[in-house]
C-alpha cells in the first residue's frame, strides 16, 4: 500500500525552495526513493533522477560535471553514499548564479556521508526511518 505523505512533501518543497541541496537519510527500504517520487508531481520544472546502484546511471556520471552542469530543475541522486566523490562537484554546482538546478540527495545515514555533506550548504538532513516518517 502506497501512502502519500503530504507533510513530508511540504517539508521537502520548503527545503528545496530555501536551500540548493536537501537530503533524506535513513536505513535501506524505508521509503526514501518512494517519497522522492511522490514529490515529483508537486514540482514546477524538470526533474532528472540518478540511481547510483544502476550501472547505466553510473556510466552517465563518469564525468559528473559534464553530466550535471547543464541540468535544470531538480536533480535527484539516490544512494549518494555509493559516490561520495560527487560532493565536491555538487559544491561547485550550487555556487553558480543564477542557480539553474537544485539537488535532492538520498542515502543511508552513515558518518562519512554526513561529513561529506558538510562541504556543501545542506540544511540538517531529514531523517527517514521505520514507519514514523521524517523528523528533523
C-alpha atoms as a PDB file:
ATOM      1  CA  UNK A   1       0.000   0.000   0.000  1.00  0.00           C
ATOM      2  CA  UNK A   2       1.401   3.375  -1.048  1.00  0.00           C
ATOM      3  CA  UNK A   3       0.835   6.188   1.435  1.00  0.00           C
ATOM      4  CA  UNK A   4       1.055   9.788   0.231  1.00  0.00           C
ATOM      5  CA  UNK A   5       2.998  11.769   2.791  1.00  0.00           C
ATOM      6  CA  UNK A   6       1.724  15.335   2.413  1.00  0.00           C
ATOM      7  CA  UNK A   7       3.532  16.756   5.453  1.00  0.00           C
ATOM      8  CA  UNK A   8       6.894  15.369   4.373  1.00  0.00           C
ATOM      9  CA  UNK A   9       6.389  16.547   0.788  1.00  0.00           C
ATOM     10  CA  UNK A  10       5.622  20.050   2.068  1.00  0.00           C
ATOM     11  CA  UNK A  11       8.792  19.943   4.196  1.00  0.00           C
ATOM     12  CA  UNK A  12      10.871  18.938   1.187  1.00  0.00           C
ATOM     13  CA  UNK A  13       9.335  21.608  -1.052  1.00  0.00           C
ATOM     14  CA  UNK A  14      10.157  24.246   1.571  1.00  0.00           C
ATOM     15  CA  UNK A  15      13.729  22.981   1.922  1.00  0.00           C
ATOM     16  CA  UNK A  16      14.279  22.911  -1.829  1.00  0.00           C
ATOM     17  CA  UNK A  17      12.994  26.467  -2.115  1.00  0.00           C
ATOM     18  CA  UNK A  18      15.352  27.729   0.600  1.00  0.00           C
ATOM     19  CA  UNK A  19      18.460  25.586   0.041  1.00  0.00           C
ATOM     20  CA  UNK A  20      20.345  24.416  -3.056  1.00  0.00           C
ATOM     21  CA  UNK A  21      20.672  20.887  -1.638  1.00  0.00           C
ATOM     22  CA  UNK A  22      18.295  18.868   0.523  1.00  0.00           C
ATOM     23  CA  UNK A  23      18.945  15.387   1.866  1.00  0.00           C
ATOM     24  CA  UNK A  24      16.843  12.466   3.001  1.00  0.00           C
ATOM     25  CA  UNK A  25      18.865   9.993   5.034  1.00  0.00           C
ATOM     26  CA  UNK A  26      17.748   6.703   6.523  1.00  0.00           C
ATOM     27  CA  UNK A  27      18.204   2.974   6.579  1.00  0.00           C
ATOM     28  CA  UNK A  28      17.525   0.891   3.487  1.00  0.00           C
ATOM     29  CA  UNK A  29      13.990   0.074   2.375  1.00  0.00           C
ATOM     30  CA  UNK A  30      12.137   2.698   4.436  1.00  0.00           C
ATOM     31  CA  UNK A  31      10.739   4.690   1.515  1.00  0.00           C
ATOM     32  CA  UNK A  32      13.259   7.425   0.701  1.00  0.00           C
ATOM     33  CA  UNK A  33      13.012   6.761  -3.043  1.00  0.00           C
ATOM     34  CA  UNK A  34       9.234   6.443  -2.875  1.00  0.00           C
ATOM     35  CA  UNK A  35       8.998   9.796  -1.095  1.00  0.00           C
ATOM     36  CA  UNK A  36      11.161  11.438  -3.762  1.00  0.00           C
ATOM     37  CA  UNK A  37       8.883  10.018  -6.474  1.00  0.00           C
ATOM     38  CA  UNK A  38       5.815  11.354  -4.664  1.00  0.00           C
ATOM     39  CA  UNK A  39       7.471  14.774  -4.612  1.00  0.00           C
ATOM     40  CA  UNK A  40       7.879  14.985  -8.409  1.00  0.00           C
ATOM     41  CA  UNK A  41       4.269  15.917  -9.348  1.00  0.00           C
ATOM     42  CA  UNK A  42       4.472  18.880  -6.944  1.00  0.00           C
ATOM     43  CA  UNK A  43       7.481  20.431  -8.695  1.00  0.00           C
ATOM     44  CA  UNK A  44       7.146  23.141 -11.345  1.00  0.00           C
ATOM     45  CA  UNK A  45      10.155  22.302 -13.511  1.00  0.00           C
ATOM     46  CA  UNK A  46      12.065  19.365 -14.941  1.00  0.00           C
ATOM     47  CA  UNK A  47      13.299  16.526 -12.748  1.00  0.00           C
ATOM     48  CA  UNK A  48      16.289  14.319 -13.525  1.00  0.00           C
ATOM     49  CA  UNK A  49      16.929  11.289 -11.329  1.00  0.00           C
ATOM     50  CA  UNK A  50      20.026   9.140 -10.998  1.00  0.00           C
ATOM     51  CA  UNK A  51      20.010   5.792  -9.184  1.00  0.00           C
ATOM     52  CA  UNK A  52      23.635   5.254  -8.224  1.00  0.00           C
ATOM     53  CA  UNK A  53      23.061   1.494  -7.980  1.00  0.00           C
ATOM     54  CA  UNK A  54      22.168   1.401 -11.688  1.00  0.00           C
ATOM     55  CA  UNK A  55      25.249   0.809 -13.900  1.00  0.00           C
ATOM     56  CA  UNK A  56      23.671   2.860 -16.708  1.00  0.00           C
ATOM     57  CA  UNK A  57      23.335   5.868 -14.432  1.00  0.00           C
ATOM     58  CA  UNK A  58      26.864   5.397 -13.134  1.00  0.00           C
ATOM     59  CA  UNK A  59      28.118   5.414 -16.714  1.00  0.00           C
ATOM     60  CA  UNK A  60      26.303   8.693 -17.365  1.00  0.00           C
ATOM     61  CA  UNK A  61      28.067  10.146 -14.322  1.00  0.00           C
ATOM     62  CA  UNK A  62      31.545   9.025 -15.369  1.00  0.00           C
ATOM     63  CA  UNK A  63      32.220  12.747 -15.907  1.00  0.00           C
ATOM     64  CA  UNK A  64      29.842  14.195 -13.312  1.00  0.00           C
ATOM     65  CA  UNK A  65      30.470  17.855 -14.103  1.00  0.00           C
ATOM     66  CA  UNK A  66      29.754  17.301 -17.790  1.00  0.00           C
ATOM     67  CA  UNK A  67      26.513  15.440 -16.986  1.00  0.00           C
ATOM     68  CA  UNK A  68      25.196  17.562 -14.107  1.00  0.00           C
ATOM     69  CA  UNK A  69      26.197  21.105 -15.082  1.00  0.00           C
ATOM     70  CA  UNK A  70      23.633  21.624 -17.890  1.00  0.00           C
ATOM     71  CA  UNK A  71      20.700  20.229 -15.888  1.00  0.00           C
ATOM     72  CA  UNK A  72      17.880  22.464 -14.683  1.00  0.00           C
ATOM     73  CA  UNK A  73      15.105  21.987 -12.164  1.00  0.00           C
ATOM     74  CA  UNK A  74      15.577  19.249  -9.599  1.00  0.00           C
ATOM     75  CA  UNK A  75      18.308  16.619  -9.758  1.00  0.00           C
ATOM     76  CA  UNK A  76      17.795  13.562  -7.546  1.00  0.00           C
ATOM     77  CA  UNK A  77      20.835  11.488  -6.604  1.00  0.00           C
ATOM     78  CA  UNK A  78      19.675   8.243  -4.993  1.00  0.00           C
ATOM     79  CA  UNK A  79      22.140   6.118  -2.986  1.00  0.00           C
ATOM     80  CA  UNK A  80      24.603   9.023  -2.805  1.00  0.00           C
ATOM     81  CA  UNK A  81      26.690   7.171  -0.188  1.00  0.00           C
ATOM     82  CA  UNK A  82      27.978   4.997  -3.060  1.00  0.00           C
ATOM     83  CA  UNK A  83      29.589   8.027  -4.763  1.00  0.00           C
ATOM     84  CA  UNK A  84      30.847  10.438  -2.057  1.00  0.00           C
ATOM     85  CA  UNK A  85      33.224  11.924  -4.644  1.00  0.00           C
ATOM     86  CA  UNK A  86      30.167  13.697  -6.113  1.00  0.00           C
ATOM     87  CA  UNK A  87      30.022  16.125  -3.178  1.00  0.00           C
ATOM     88  CA  UNK A  88      32.879  18.370  -4.389  1.00  0.00           C
ATOM     89  CA  UNK A  89      31.120  18.555  -7.775  1.00  0.00           C
ATOM     90  CA  UNK A  90      27.852  19.490  -6.074  1.00  0.00           C
ATOM     91  CA  UNK A  91      29.662  22.171  -4.077  1.00  0.00           C
ATOM     92  CA  UNK A  92      30.807  23.811  -7.314  1.00  0.00           C
ATOM     93  CA  UNK A  93      27.389  23.479  -8.947  1.00  0.00           C
ATOM     94  CA  UNK A  94      25.438  25.047  -6.082  1.00  0.00           C
ATOM     95  CA  UNK A  95      27.682  28.120  -6.069  1.00  0.00           C
ATOM     96  CA  UNK A  96      26.535  29.126  -9.570  1.00  0.00           C
ATOM     97  CA  UNK A  97      24.356  32.188 -10.046  1.00  0.00           C
ATOM     98  CA  UNK A  98      21.736  32.074 -11.193  1.00  0.00           C
ATOM     99  CA  UNK A  99      21.177  28.632  -9.748  1.00  0.00           C
ATOM    100  CA  UNK A 100      19.676  26.510 -12.560  1.00  0.00           C
ATOM    101  CA  UNK A 101      19.284  23.295 -10.543  1.00  0.00           C
ATOM    102  CA  UNK A 102      18.699  22.175  -7.007  1.00  0.00           C
ATOM    103  CA  UNK A 103      19.693  18.777  -5.699  1.00  0.00           C
ATOM    104  CA  UNK A 104      17.929  16.180  -3.584  1.00  0.00           C
ATOM    105  CA  UNK A 105      20.309  13.537  -2.282  1.00  0.00           C
ATOM    106  CA  UNK A 106      19.049  10.271  -0.826  1.00  0.00           C
ATOM    107  CA  UNK A 107      21.209   7.886   1.094  1.00  0.00           C
ATOM    108  CA  UNK A 108      21.879   5.620   4.005  1.00  0.00           C
ATOM    109  CA  UNK A 109      22.762   7.507   7.136  1.00  0.00           C
ATOM    110  CA  UNK A 110      26.434   6.978   7.862  1.00  0.00           C
ATOM    111  CA  UNK A 111      29.108   9.208   9.418  1.00  0.00           C
ATOM    112  CA  UNK A 112      31.127   9.517   6.196  1.00  0.00           C
ATOM    113  CA  UNK A 113      28.061  10.716   4.285  1.00  0.00           C
ATOM    114  CA  UNK A 114      27.173  13.309   6.902  1.00  0.00           C
ATOM    115  CA  UNK A 115      30.761  14.554   6.834  1.00  0.00           C
ATOM    116  CA  UNK A 116      30.719  14.824   3.044  1.00  0.00           C
ATOM    117  CA  UNK A 117      27.512  16.850   3.157  1.00  0.00           C
ATOM    118  CA  UNK A 118      29.104  19.411   5.452  1.00  0.00           C
ATOM    119  CA  UNK A 119      31.219  20.606   2.497  1.00  0.00           C
ATOM    120  CA  UNK A 120      28.100  21.949   0.774  1.00  0.00           C
ATOM    121  CA  UNK A 121      25.207  24.028   2.017  1.00  0.00           C
ATOM    122  CA  UNK A 122      22.857  21.285   3.150  1.00  0.00           C
ATOM    123  CA  UNK A 123      20.414  22.068   5.895  1.00  0.00           C
ATOM    124  CA  UNK A 124      20.343  19.440   8.593  1.00  0.00           C
ATOM    125  CA  UNK A 125      19.202  16.340   6.674  1.00  0.00           C
ATOM    126  CA  UNK A 126      15.753  14.920   7.083  1.00  0.00           C
ATOM    127  CA  UNK A 127      15.831  11.531   8.764  1.00  0.00           C
ATOM    128  CA  UNK A 128      13.577   8.848   7.387  1.00  0.00           C
ATOM    129  CA  UNK A 129      13.089   5.693   9.345  1.00  0.00           C
ATOM    130  CA  UNK A 130      10.772   2.917  10.378  1.00  0.00           C
ATOM    131  CA  UNK A 131       7.151   3.912   9.857  1.00  0.00           C
ATOM    132  CA  UNK A 132       7.397   7.233  11.654  1.00  0.00           C
ATOM    133  CA  UNK A 133       8.268   9.375   8.650  1.00  0.00           C
ATOM    134  CA  UNK A 134      10.520  12.384   8.536  1.00  0.00           C
ATOM    135  CA  UNK A 135      11.822  14.123  11.582  1.00  0.00           C
ATOM    136  CA  UNK A 136      14.402  16.831  11.792  1.00  0.00           C
END
